[in-house]
């Protein structure tokens, strides 16, 4: 973890700390109330929420209006789902009836708009126009905070939550919140225990497709993430990122008790047992406890294997 020298807040990445430092530098300061923010995007969101009188996003279920689409999405959760408009063909539900009508064309609409470059067909000309960007590579929706661009406005809106920290999708069973509805749906499987993604090679099942894809590489031994500085390859991007610290010397995980720093969180966790005295590994033969698994294995080999030989 990297700590701020001015307020002590800790961050897992240098980029997060860099953004946070803008709060102290007063780079993005509100002229109305004096509050400081990490980025121009956060400042703009604050002005809309706190100081703007414009509220263009209206609820179709009550008379409330909001300055941001994200605030309207949060408000929507106040209305119970039995008030929502449900699709008779699938399980999707919509707050606004016009959104349901648009969705219904997926099931019963005439798909007369055909792509001349592939076999895709659409019910609306707007949907075909959006699809064509797959072929042209056109990305007209640009983020004003970073350099990323998107082919859909919805994708840009989702991306902006990385900068604003907005998480409008809240779990009704715990206090967790998410920036996308997909993230919320995946999280709900923690509570339901649902694991719809099953491995075709072994019996393991997973709650999301990404976890299944990573697991499949155990069987295929596929290592698509290659280090550009040596010949090592990894099955996950996380493994590649951790390995890169061998070359960069980056050690972002710092001990809060002593001055040691580590390239992996797991190594820091093991080190902390030096200070806490925690010994989670227990010998099943003599009930002796150890702080590390390899210490337990060495103990069993030295003490108990010799005991068995004597017998």
C-alpha atoms as a PDB file:
ATOM      1  CA  UNK A   1       0.000   0.000   0.000  1.00  0.00           C
ATOM      2  CA  UNK A   2       1.146   3.576  -0.786  1.00  0.00           C
ATOM      3  CA  UNK A   3       0.274   6.222   1.799  1.00  0.00           C
ATOM      4  CA  UNK A   4      -0.381   9.932   1.327  1.00  0.00           C
ATOM      5  CA  UNK A   5       2.252  12.062   3.083  1.00  0.00           C
ATOM      6  CA  UNK A   6      -0.308  14.739   3.964  1.00  0.00           C
ATOM      7  CA  UNK A   7      -3.312  12.858   5.342  1.00  0.00           C
ATOM      8  CA  UNK A   8      -2.166   9.242   5.731  1.00  0.00           C
ATOM      9  CA  UNK A   9      -4.702   7.711   3.349  1.00  0.00           C
ATOM     10  CA  UNK A  10      -3.467   4.508   1.697  1.00  0.00           C
ATOM     11  CA  UNK A  11      -3.747   3.462  -1.945  1.00  0.00           C
ATOM     12  CA  UNK A  12      -2.888   0.265  -3.810  1.00  0.00           C
ATOM     13  CA  UNK A  13      -1.675   2.030  -6.965  1.00  0.00           C
ATOM     14  CA  UNK A  14       0.526   5.073  -7.588  1.00  0.00           C
ATOM     15  CA  UNK A  15      -2.000   6.457 -10.098  1.00  0.00           C
ATOM     16  CA  UNK A  16      -4.694   6.463  -7.381  1.00  0.00           C
ATOM     17  CA  UNK A  17      -2.375   8.368  -5.045  1.00  0.00           C
ATOM     18  CA  UNK A  18      -1.538  10.851  -7.827  1.00  0.00           C
ATOM     19  CA  UNK A  19      -5.249  11.579  -8.360  1.00  0.00           C
ATOM     20  CA  UNK A  20      -5.789  11.913  -4.613  1.00  0.00           C
ATOM     21  CA  UNK A  21      -2.957  14.484  -4.284  1.00  0.00           C
ATOM     22  CA  UNK A  22      -5.050  16.911  -6.341  1.00  0.00           C
ATOM     23  CA  UNK A  23      -7.288  17.268  -3.282  1.00  0.00           C
ATOM     24  CA  UNK A  24      -4.390  18.760  -1.312  1.00  0.00           C
ATOM     25  CA  UNK A  25      -3.053  20.824  -4.223  1.00  0.00           C
ATOM     26  CA  UNK A  26      -6.478  22.456  -4.671  1.00  0.00           C
ATOM     27  CA  UNK A  27      -6.096  21.945  -8.414  1.00  0.00           C
ATOM     28  CA  UNK A  28      -9.791  21.184  -8.851  1.00  0.00           C
ATOM     29  CA  UNK A  29     -11.485  23.507  -6.362  1.00  0.00           C
ATOM     30  CA  UNK A  30     -15.172  24.384  -6.329  1.00  0.00           C
ATOM     31  CA  UNK A  31     -15.642  28.164  -6.517  1.00  0.00           C
ATOM     32  CA  UNK A  32     -19.015  27.892  -4.755  1.00  0.00           C
ATOM     33  CA  UNK A  33     -18.160  25.961  -1.582  1.00  0.00           C
ATOM     34  CA  UNK A  34     -14.367  25.587  -1.640  1.00  0.00           C
ATOM     35  CA  UNK A  35     -14.304  21.784  -1.726  1.00  0.00           C
ATOM     36  CA  UNK A  36     -11.402  20.171  -3.585  1.00  0.00           C
ATOM     37  CA  UNK A  37     -11.641  17.148  -5.873  1.00  0.00           C
ATOM     38  CA  UNK A  38      -9.298  14.642  -7.506  1.00  0.00           C
ATOM     39  CA  UNK A  39     -10.213  15.418 -11.107  1.00  0.00           C
ATOM     40  CA  UNK A  40     -12.114  17.840 -13.332  1.00  0.00           C
ATOM     41  CA  UNK A  41     -14.715  15.113 -13.845  1.00  0.00           C
ATOM     42  CA  UNK A  42     -15.382  14.824 -10.089  1.00  0.00           C
ATOM     43  CA  UNK A  43     -15.572  18.616  -9.797  1.00  0.00           C
ATOM     44  CA  UNK A  44     -18.078  18.774 -12.666  1.00  0.00           C
ATOM     45  CA  UNK A  45     -20.184  16.003 -11.071  1.00  0.00           C
ATOM     46  CA  UNK A  46     -20.102  17.856  -7.732  1.00  0.00           C
ATOM     47  CA  UNK A  47     -21.279  21.101  -9.352  1.00  0.00           C
ATOM     48  CA  UNK A  48     -24.165  19.312 -11.045  1.00  0.00           C
ATOM     49  CA  UNK A  49     -25.233  17.582  -7.849  1.00  0.00           C
ATOM     50  CA  UNK A  50     -24.762  20.368  -5.335  1.00  0.00           C
ATOM     51  CA  UNK A  51     -25.002  23.717  -7.137  1.00  0.00           C
ATOM     52  CA  UNK A  52     -26.874  23.245 -10.409  1.00  0.00           C
ATOM     53  CA  UNK A  53     -30.610  23.939 -10.535  1.00  0.00           C
ATOM     54  CA  UNK A  54     -31.032  21.968 -13.774  1.00  0.00           C
ATOM     55  CA  UNK A  55     -32.584  18.517 -13.324  1.00  0.00           C
ATOM     56  CA  UNK A  56     -33.140  17.015 -16.776  1.00  0.00           C
ATOM     57  CA  UNK A  57     -33.497  13.387 -15.617  1.00  0.00           C
ATOM     58  CA  UNK A  58     -37.080  12.762 -14.456  1.00  0.00           C
ATOM     59  CA  UNK A  59     -38.530   9.645 -12.877  1.00  0.00           C
ATOM     60  CA  UNK A  60     -41.363   8.069 -14.850  1.00  0.00           C
ATOM     61  CA  UNK A  61     -42.814   6.590 -11.647  1.00  0.00           C
ATOM     62  CA  UNK A  62     -43.024   9.717  -9.474  1.00  0.00           C
ATOM     63  CA  UNK A  63     -42.534  13.478  -9.770  1.00  0.00           C
ATOM     64  CA  UNK A  64     -38.866  13.559  -8.719  1.00  0.00           C
ATOM     65  CA  UNK A  65     -36.138  14.861 -11.038  1.00  0.00           C
ATOM     66  CA  UNK A  66     -32.340  14.651 -10.868  1.00  0.00           C
ATOM     67  CA  UNK A  67     -29.270  16.414 -12.208  1.00  0.00           C
ATOM     68  CA  UNK A  68     -27.554  13.158 -13.275  1.00  0.00           C
ATOM     69  CA  UNK A  69     -28.594   9.860 -14.853  1.00  0.00           C
ATOM     70  CA  UNK A  70     -26.696   8.000 -12.106  1.00  0.00           C
ATOM     71  CA  UNK A  71     -28.793   9.691  -9.391  1.00  0.00           C
ATOM     72  CA  UNK A  72     -31.973   8.737 -11.263  1.00  0.00           C
ATOM     73  CA  UNK A  73     -30.744   5.113 -11.427  1.00  0.00           C
ATOM     74  CA  UNK A  74     -30.167   5.144  -7.661  1.00  0.00           C
ATOM     75  CA  UNK A  75     -33.621   6.585  -7.087  1.00  0.00           C
ATOM     76  CA  UNK A  76     -35.194   3.888  -9.266  1.00  0.00           C
ATOM     77  CA  UNK A  77     -34.203   1.299  -6.656  1.00  0.00           C
ATOM     78  CA  UNK A  78     -36.575   3.036  -4.203  1.00  0.00           C
ATOM     79  CA  UNK A  79     -39.507   1.801  -6.277  1.00  0.00           C
ATOM     80  CA  UNK A  80     -40.206  -1.928  -5.732  1.00  0.00           C
ATOM     81  CA  UNK A  81     -39.743  -4.108  -8.789  1.00  0.00           C
ATOM     82  CA  UNK A  82     -43.436  -5.049  -8.969  1.00  0.00           C
ATOM     83  CA  UNK A  83     -44.011  -1.476 -10.177  1.00  0.00           C
ATOM     84  CA  UNK A  84     -41.612  -1.974 -13.073  1.00  0.00           C
ATOM     85  CA  UNK A  85     -42.730  -2.866 -16.610  1.00  0.00           C
ATOM     86  CA  UNK A  86     -41.826  -6.507 -17.258  1.00  0.00           C
ATOM     87  CA  UNK A  87     -41.184  -8.210 -20.580  1.00  0.00           C
ATOM     88  CA  UNK A  88     -43.579 -11.118 -21.247  1.00  0.00           C
ATOM     89  CA  UNK A  89     -40.940 -13.021 -23.241  1.00  0.00           C
ATOM     90  CA  UNK A  90     -37.890 -12.810 -20.973  1.00  0.00           C
ATOM     91  CA  UNK A  91     -37.085 -11.845 -17.389  1.00  0.00           C
ATOM     92  CA  UNK A  92     -36.016  -8.261 -18.097  1.00  0.00           C
ATOM     93  CA  UNK A  93     -37.839  -5.378 -16.392  1.00  0.00           C
ATOM     94  CA  UNK A  94     -37.843  -1.662 -17.172  1.00  0.00           C
ATOM     95  CA  UNK A  95     -38.642   1.431 -15.148  1.00  0.00           C
ATOM     96  CA  UNK A  96     -40.076   3.270 -18.141  1.00  0.00           C
ATOM     97  CA  UNK A  97     -42.731   1.797 -20.416  1.00  0.00           C
ATOM     98  CA  UNK A  98     -41.083   3.349 -23.490  1.00  0.00           C
ATOM     99  CA  UNK A  99     -37.915   1.394 -22.683  1.00  0.00           C
ATOM    100  CA  UNK A 100     -39.991  -1.792 -22.521  1.00  0.00           C
ATOM    101  CA  UNK A 101     -41.573  -0.990 -25.888  1.00  0.00           C
ATOM    102  CA  UNK A 102     -38.145  -0.505 -27.418  1.00  0.00           C
ATOM    103  CA  UNK A 103     -36.977  -3.799 -25.892  1.00  0.00           C
ATOM    104  CA  UNK A 104     -40.018  -5.711 -27.202  1.00  0.00           C
ATOM    105  CA  UNK A 105     -38.814  -5.223 -30.763  1.00  0.00           C
ATOM    106  CA  UNK A 106     -35.999  -7.653 -29.943  1.00  0.00           C
ATOM    107  CA  UNK A 107     -38.645 -10.394 -29.671  1.00  0.00           C
ATOM    108  CA  UNK A 108     -41.370  -9.361 -32.122  1.00  0.00           C
ATOM    109  CA  UNK A 109     -39.894  -6.548 -34.226  1.00  0.00           C
ATOM    110  CA  UNK A 110     -39.225  -6.718 -37.936  1.00  0.00           C
ATOM    111  CA  UNK A 111     -35.442  -6.976 -38.390  1.00  0.00           C
ATOM    112  CA  UNK A 112     -35.270  -5.257 -41.756  1.00  0.00           C
ATOM    113  CA  UNK A 113     -32.002  -3.392 -41.190  1.00  0.00           C
ATOM    114  CA  UNK A 114     -29.211  -5.625 -42.455  1.00  0.00           C
ATOM    115  CA  UNK A 115     -25.467  -5.106 -42.200  1.00  0.00           C
ATOM    116  CA  UNK A 116     -23.837  -5.371 -45.659  1.00  0.00           C
ATOM    117  CA  UNK A 117     -20.528  -6.496 -44.125  1.00  0.00           C
ATOM    118  CA  UNK A 118     -21.735  -9.383 -41.929  1.00  0.00           C
ATOM    119  CA  UNK A 119     -24.916 -11.360 -41.183  1.00  0.00           C
ATOM    120  CA  UNK A 120     -26.174  -9.124 -38.354  1.00  0.00           C
ATOM    121  CA  UNK A 121     -29.746  -7.777 -38.594  1.00  0.00           C
ATOM    122  CA  UNK A 122     -31.495  -5.125 -36.485  1.00  0.00           C
ATOM    123  CA  UNK A 123     -34.943  -3.738 -35.743  1.00  0.00           C
ATOM    124  CA  UNK A 124     -33.853  -0.105 -35.752  1.00  0.00           C
ATOM    125  CA  UNK A 125     -31.665   1.975 -38.040  1.00  0.00           C
ATOM    126  CA  UNK A 126     -29.974   3.438 -34.953  1.00  0.00           C
ATOM    127  CA  UNK A 127     -28.921  -0.039 -33.832  1.00  0.00           C
ATOM    128  CA  UNK A 128     -27.482  -0.780 -37.295  1.00  0.00           C
ATOM    129  CA  UNK A 129     -25.627   2.538 -37.279  1.00  0.00           C
ATOM    130  CA  UNK A 130     -24.116   1.710 -33.903  1.00  0.00           C
ATOM    131  CA  UNK A 131     -23.176  -1.797 -35.089  1.00  0.00           C
ATOM    132  CA  UNK A 132     -21.333  -0.404 -38.142  1.00  0.00           C
ATOM    133  CA  UNK A 133     -18.746   1.087 -35.793  1.00  0.00           C
ATOM    134  CA  UNK A 134     -17.558  -2.476 -35.147  1.00  0.00           C
ATOM    135  CA  UNK A 135     -16.409  -2.567 -38.768  1.00  0.00           C
ATOM    136  CA  UNK A 136     -15.275   1.057 -39.168  1.00  0.00           C
ATOM    137  CA  UNK A 137     -13.553   1.340 -35.784  1.00  0.00           C
ATOM    138  CA  UNK A 138     -15.271   4.685 -35.223  1.00  0.00           C
ATOM    139  CA  UNK A 139     -15.314   5.729 -31.541  1.00  0.00           C
ATOM    140  CA  UNK A 140     -17.006   9.145 -31.349  1.00  0.00           C
ATOM    141  CA  UNK A 141     -17.571   9.180 -27.571  1.00  0.00           C
ATOM    142  CA  UNK A 142     -14.374  10.361 -25.896  1.00  0.00           C
ATOM    143  CA  UNK A 143     -13.535  10.615 -22.203  1.00  0.00           C
ATOM    144  CA  UNK A 144     -12.427  14.142 -21.277  1.00  0.00           C
ATOM    145  CA  UNK A 145     -10.403  12.878 -18.309  1.00  0.00           C
ATOM    146  CA  UNK A 146      -8.261  10.241 -20.022  1.00  0.00           C
ATOM    147  CA  UNK A 147      -7.611   9.283 -23.639  1.00  0.00           C
ATOM    148  CA  UNK A 148     -10.107   6.436 -23.966  1.00  0.00           C
ATOM    149  CA  UNK A 149     -12.833   6.506 -26.632  1.00  0.00           C
ATOM    150  CA  UNK A 150     -15.957   4.397 -27.140  1.00  0.00           C
ATOM    151  CA  UNK A 151     -18.363   3.521 -29.915  1.00  0.00           C
ATOM    152  CA  UNK A 152     -21.440   3.834 -27.646  1.00  0.00           C
ATOM    153  CA  UNK A 153     -22.500   6.590 -25.266  1.00  0.00           C
ATOM    154  CA  UNK A 154     -23.541   3.944 -22.727  1.00  0.00           C
ATOM    155  CA  UNK A 155     -20.020   2.536 -22.670  1.00  0.00           C
ATOM    156  CA  UNK A 156     -18.624   6.031 -22.055  1.00  0.00           C
ATOM    157  CA  UNK A 157     -21.091   6.568 -19.192  1.00  0.00           C
ATOM    158  CA  UNK A 158     -19.987   3.308 -17.568  1.00  0.00           C
ATOM    159  CA  UNK A 159     -16.334   4.240 -18.032  1.00  0.00           C
ATOM    160  CA  UNK A 160     -16.824   7.678 -16.428  1.00  0.00           C
ATOM    161  CA  UNK A 161     -17.711   5.973 -13.157  1.00  0.00           C
ATOM    162  CA  UNK A 162     -14.035   4.949 -12.910  1.00  0.00           C
ATOM    163  CA  UNK A 163     -13.199   8.649 -12.560  1.00  0.00           C
ATOM    164  CA  UNK A 164     -16.213   9.771 -10.519  1.00  0.00           C
ATOM    165  CA  UNK A 165     -16.340   6.711  -8.269  1.00  0.00           C
ATOM    166  CA  UNK A 166     -20.106   6.586  -8.789  1.00  0.00           C
ATOM    167  CA  UNK A 167     -21.642   3.226  -7.833  1.00  0.00           C
ATOM    168  CA  UNK A 168     -25.397   3.467  -8.416  1.00  0.00           C
ATOM    169  CA  UNK A 169     -26.130  -0.274  -8.226  1.00  0.00           C
ATOM    170  CA  UNK A 170     -26.490  -1.314  -4.585  1.00  0.00           C
ATOM    171  CA  UNK A 171     -26.904  -4.829  -3.198  1.00  0.00           C
ATOM    172  CA  UNK A 172     -30.093  -5.115  -1.126  1.00  0.00           C
ATOM    173  CA  UNK A 173     -28.567  -7.903   0.997  1.00  0.00           C
ATOM    174  CA  UNK A 174     -25.308  -6.232   2.065  1.00  0.00           C
ATOM    175  CA  UNK A 175     -23.683  -2.800   1.907  1.00  0.00           C
ATOM    176  CA  UNK A 176     -21.733  -3.339  -1.328  1.00  0.00           C
ATOM    177  CA  UNK A 177     -22.316  -1.121  -4.361  1.00  0.00           C
ATOM    178  CA  UNK A 178     -21.267  -1.412  -8.004  1.00  0.00           C
ATOM    179  CA  UNK A 179     -20.640   0.849 -10.974  1.00  0.00           C
ATOM    180  CA  UNK A 180     -22.461  -1.475 -13.416  1.00  0.00           C
ATOM    181  CA  UNK A 181     -25.602  -3.604 -13.248  1.00  0.00           C
ATOM    182  CA  UNK A 182     -23.514  -6.545 -14.518  1.00  0.00           C
ATOM    183  CA  UNK A 183     -21.203  -6.246 -11.520  1.00  0.00           C
ATOM    184  CA  UNK A 184     -24.216  -6.205  -9.215  1.00  0.00           C
ATOM    185  CA  UNK A 185     -25.711  -9.304 -10.878  1.00  0.00           C
ATOM    186  CA  UNK A 186     -22.438 -11.225 -10.548  1.00  0.00           C
ATOM    187  CA  UNK A 187     -22.140 -10.186  -6.888  1.00  0.00           C
ATOM    188  CA  UNK A 188     -25.683 -11.415  -6.100  1.00  0.00           C
ATOM    189  CA  UNK A 189     -24.442 -14.941  -6.807  1.00  0.00           C
ATOM    190  CA  UNK A 190     -22.360 -14.649  -3.629  1.00  0.00           C
ATOM    191  CA  UNK A 191     -25.669 -14.586  -1.732  1.00  0.00           C
ATOM    192  CA  UNK A 192     -27.595 -17.052  -3.911  1.00  0.00           C
ATOM    193  CA  UNK A 193     -24.699 -19.489  -4.427  1.00  0.00           C
ATOM    194  CA  UNK A 194     -25.519 -19.638  -8.136  1.00  0.00           C
ATOM    195  CA  UNK A 195     -22.598 -20.838 -10.291  1.00  0.00           C
ATOM    196  CA  UNK A 196     -23.901 -21.074 -13.871  1.00  0.00           C
ATOM    197  CA  UNK A 197     -20.507 -21.316 -15.610  1.00  0.00           C
ATOM    198  CA  UNK A 198     -19.343 -24.941 -15.553  1.00  0.00           C
ATOM    199  CA  UNK A 199     -16.015 -26.369 -16.672  1.00  0.00           C
ATOM    200  CA  UNK A 200     -16.435 -29.047 -19.383  1.00  0.00           C
ATOM    201  CA  UNK A 201     -13.212 -30.794 -18.307  1.00  0.00           C
ATOM    202  CA  UNK A 202     -13.702 -31.111 -14.541  1.00  0.00           C
ATOM    203  CA  UNK A 203     -16.608 -30.591 -12.157  1.00  0.00           C
ATOM    204  CA  UNK A 204     -15.793 -27.053 -11.049  1.00  0.00           C
ATOM    205  CA  UNK A 205     -18.366 -24.284 -11.505  1.00  0.00           C
ATOM    206  CA  UNK A 206     -18.043 -20.506 -11.293  1.00  0.00           C
ATOM    207  CA  UNK A 207     -20.236 -17.485 -10.726  1.00  0.00           C
ATOM    208  CA  UNK A 208     -18.848 -15.494 -13.660  1.00  0.00           C
ATOM    209  CA  UNK A 209     -17.501 -16.267 -17.135  1.00  0.00           C
ATOM    210  CA  UNK A 210     -14.152 -14.558 -16.449  1.00  0.00           C
ATOM    211  CA  UNK A 211     -13.366 -16.951 -13.600  1.00  0.00           C
ATOM    212  CA  UNK A 212     -14.241 -19.918 -15.819  1.00  0.00           C
ATOM    213  CA  UNK A 213     -11.970 -18.605 -18.591  1.00  0.00           C
ATOM    214  CA  UNK A 214      -9.055 -18.239 -16.164  1.00  0.00           C
ATOM    215  CA  UNK A 215      -9.709 -21.706 -14.737  1.00  0.00           C
ATOM    216  CA  UNK A 216      -9.830 -23.295 -18.216  1.00  0.00           C
ATOM    217  CA  UNK A 217      -6.184 -22.306 -18.702  1.00  0.00           C
ATOM    218  CA  UNK A 218      -5.306 -24.797 -15.960  1.00  0.00           C
ATOM    219  CA  UNK A 219      -6.354 -27.528 -18.396  1.00  0.00           C
ATOM    220  CA  UNK A 220      -5.163 -25.934 -21.643  1.00  0.00           C
ATOM    221  CA  UNK A 221      -1.962 -24.505 -20.093  1.00  0.00           C
ATOM    222  CA  UNK A 222      -2.530 -21.443 -22.243  1.00  0.00           C
ATOM    223  CA  UNK A 223      -0.410 -18.447 -21.180  1.00  0.00           C
ATOM    224  CA  UNK A 224      -1.500 -15.494 -23.317  1.00  0.00           C
ATOM    225  CA  UNK A 225       0.108 -12.786 -21.176  1.00  0.00           C
ATOM    226  CA  UNK A 226       3.781 -12.448 -22.114  1.00  0.00           C
ATOM    227  CA  UNK A 227       6.432 -10.305 -20.498  1.00  0.00           C
ATOM    228  CA  UNK A 228       8.000  -7.908 -23.033  1.00  0.00           C
ATOM    229  CA  UNK A 229      11.262  -7.815 -21.064  1.00  0.00           C
ATOM    230  CA  UNK A 230      11.968 -11.551 -20.739  1.00  0.00           C
ATOM    231  CA  UNK A 231      10.599 -14.845 -22.094  1.00  0.00           C
ATOM    232  CA  UNK A 232       8.162 -15.571 -19.254  1.00  0.00           C
ATOM    233  CA  UNK A 233       4.428 -15.973 -19.919  1.00  0.00           C
ATOM    234  CA  UNK A 234       1.414 -16.080 -17.611  1.00  0.00           C
ATOM    235  CA  UNK A 235      -2.124 -17.413 -17.645  1.00  0.00           C
ATOM    236  CA  UNK A 236      -3.588 -14.231 -16.102  1.00  0.00           C
ATOM    237  CA  UNK A 237      -2.941 -10.506 -16.520  1.00  0.00           C
ATOM    238  CA  UNK A 238      -2.629 -10.269 -12.734  1.00  0.00           C
ATOM    239  CA  UNK A 239       0.258 -12.745 -12.789  1.00  0.00           C
ATOM    240  CA  UNK A 240       1.932 -10.722 -15.523  1.00  0.00           C
ATOM    241  CA  UNK A 241       1.508  -7.463 -13.586  1.00  0.00           C
ATOM    242  CA  UNK A 242       3.036  -8.961 -10.442  1.00  0.00           C
ATOM    243  CA  UNK A 243       5.948 -10.366 -12.446  1.00  0.00           C
ATOM    244  CA  UNK A 244       6.690  -6.964 -14.024  1.00  0.00           C
ATOM    245  CA  UNK A 245       7.684  -5.701 -10.575  1.00  0.00           C
ATOM    246  CA  UNK A 246      10.741  -7.964 -10.847  1.00  0.00           C
ATOM    247  CA  UNK A 247      11.925  -5.693 -13.661  1.00  0.00           C
ATOM    248  CA  UNK A 248      10.651  -2.350 -12.313  1.00  0.00           C
ATOM    249  CA  UNK A 249      11.571  -2.968  -8.676  1.00  0.00           C
ATOM    250  CA  UNK A 250       8.137  -1.671  -7.663  1.00  0.00           C
ATOM    251  CA  UNK A 251       7.072  -2.704  -4.144  1.00  0.00           C
ATOM    252  CA  UNK A 252       3.694  -1.078  -3.492  1.00  0.00           C
ATOM    253  CA  UNK A 253       2.771  -3.116  -0.403  1.00  0.00           C
ATOM    254  CA  UNK A 254       4.420  -1.546   2.645  1.00  0.00           C
ATOM    255  CA  UNK A 255       4.445  -2.810   6.213  1.00  0.00           C
ATOM    256  CA  UNK A 256       2.860  -0.310   8.612  1.00  0.00           C
ATOM    257  CA  UNK A 257       5.023  -1.550  11.517  1.00  0.00           C
ATOM    258  CA  UNK A 258       8.503  -1.624   9.984  1.00  0.00           C
ATOM    259  CA  UNK A 259      10.007  -0.214   6.777  1.00  0.00           C
ATOM    260  CA  UNK A 260       9.846  -3.366   4.666  1.00  0.00           C
ATOM    261  CA  UNK A 261       7.990  -3.313   1.331  1.00  0.00           C
ATOM    262  CA  UNK A 262       6.842  -6.117  -0.933  1.00  0.00           C
ATOM    263  CA  UNK A 263       5.820  -6.635  -4.539  1.00  0.00           C
ATOM    264  CA  UNK A 264       2.838  -8.861  -3.633  1.00  0.00           C
ATOM    265  CA  UNK A 265       0.031  -8.449  -1.118  1.00  0.00           C
ATOM    266  CA  UNK A 266       0.304 -12.119  -0.093  1.00  0.00           C
ATOM    267  CA  UNK A 267       3.976 -11.664   0.825  1.00  0.00           C
ATOM    268  CA  UNK A 268       3.062  -8.669   2.995  1.00  0.00           C
ATOM    269  CA  UNK A 269       0.330 -10.705   4.707  1.00  0.00           C
ATOM    270  CA  UNK A 270       2.829 -13.464   5.539  1.00  0.00           C
ATOM    271  CA  UNK A 271       5.354 -10.897   6.784  1.00  0.00           C
ATOM    272  CA  UNK A 272       2.768  -9.299   9.114  1.00  0.00           C
ATOM    273  CA  UNK A 273       2.701 -12.508  11.145  1.00  0.00           C
ATOM    274  CA  UNK A 274       6.210 -11.596  12.354  1.00  0.00           C
ATOM    275  CA  UNK A 275       4.611  -8.626  14.132  1.00  0.00           C
ATOM    276  CA  UNK A 276       1.236 -10.101  15.093  1.00  0.00           C
ATOM    277  CA  UNK A 277       2.550 -13.532  16.173  1.00  0.00           C
ATOM    278  CA  UNK A 278      -0.298 -15.183  14.284  1.00  0.00           C
ATOM    279  CA  UNK A 279       0.291 -18.895  13.633  1.00  0.00           C
ATOM    280  CA  UNK A 280      -2.588 -20.215  11.506  1.00  0.00           C
ATOM    281  CA  UNK A 281      -0.954 -23.520  10.439  1.00  0.00           C
ATOM    282  CA  UNK A 282      -1.512 -26.305  12.980  1.00  0.00           C
ATOM    283  CA  UNK A 283       0.139 -29.721  12.996  1.00  0.00           C
ATOM    284  CA  UNK A 284      -2.488 -32.476  13.074  1.00  0.00           C
ATOM    285  CA  UNK A 285      -0.063 -34.849  14.837  1.00  0.00           C
ATOM    286  CA  UNK A 286       1.142 -32.777  17.808  1.00  0.00           C
ATOM    287  CA  UNK A 287      -1.017 -29.609  17.738  1.00  0.00           C
ATOM    288  CA  UNK A 288       2.021 -27.342  17.320  1.00  0.00           C
ATOM    289  CA  UNK A 289       1.308 -24.073  15.454  1.00  0.00           C
ATOM    290  CA  UNK A 290       3.329 -22.333  12.760  1.00  0.00           C
ATOM    291  CA  UNK A 291       3.172 -18.959  11.028  1.00  0.00           C
ATOM    292  CA  UNK A 292       3.926 -20.356   7.546  1.00  0.00           C
ATOM    293  CA  UNK A 293       2.835 -23.478   5.657  1.00  0.00           C
ATOM    294  CA  UNK A 294       6.420 -24.368   4.662  1.00  0.00           C
ATOM    295  CA  UNK A 295       7.450 -24.268   8.356  1.00  0.00           C
ATOM    296  CA  UNK A 296       4.690 -26.793   9.081  1.00  0.00           C
ATOM    297  CA  UNK A 297       5.856 -29.062   6.258  1.00  0.00           C
ATOM    298  CA  UNK A 298       9.468 -28.906   7.475  1.00  0.00           C
ATOM    299  CA  UNK A 299       8.317 -29.733  11.016  1.00  0.00           C
ATOM    300  CA  UNK A 300       6.365 -32.776   9.845  1.00  0.00           C
ATOM    301  CA  UNK A 301       9.302 -34.003   7.776  1.00  0.00           C
ATOM    302  CA  UNK A 302      11.915 -33.559  10.523  1.00  0.00           C
ATOM    303  CA  UNK A 303       9.940 -34.562  13.621  1.00  0.00           C
ATOM    304  CA  UNK A 304       7.166 -36.919  12.604  1.00  0.00           C
ATOM    305  CA  UNK A 305       8.783 -38.760   9.681  1.00  0.00           C
ATOM    306  CA  UNK A 306      11.642 -39.818  12.010  1.00  0.00           C
ATOM    307  CA  UNK A 307       9.071 -40.947  14.600  1.00  0.00           C
ATOM    308  CA  UNK A 308       7.392 -43.154  11.999  1.00  0.00           C
ATOM    309  CA  UNK A 309      10.735 -44.670  10.981  1.00  0.00           C
ATOM    310  CA  UNK A 310      11.454 -45.585  14.635  1.00  0.00           C
ATOM    311  CA  UNK A 311       8.112 -47.386  14.828  1.00  0.00           C
END
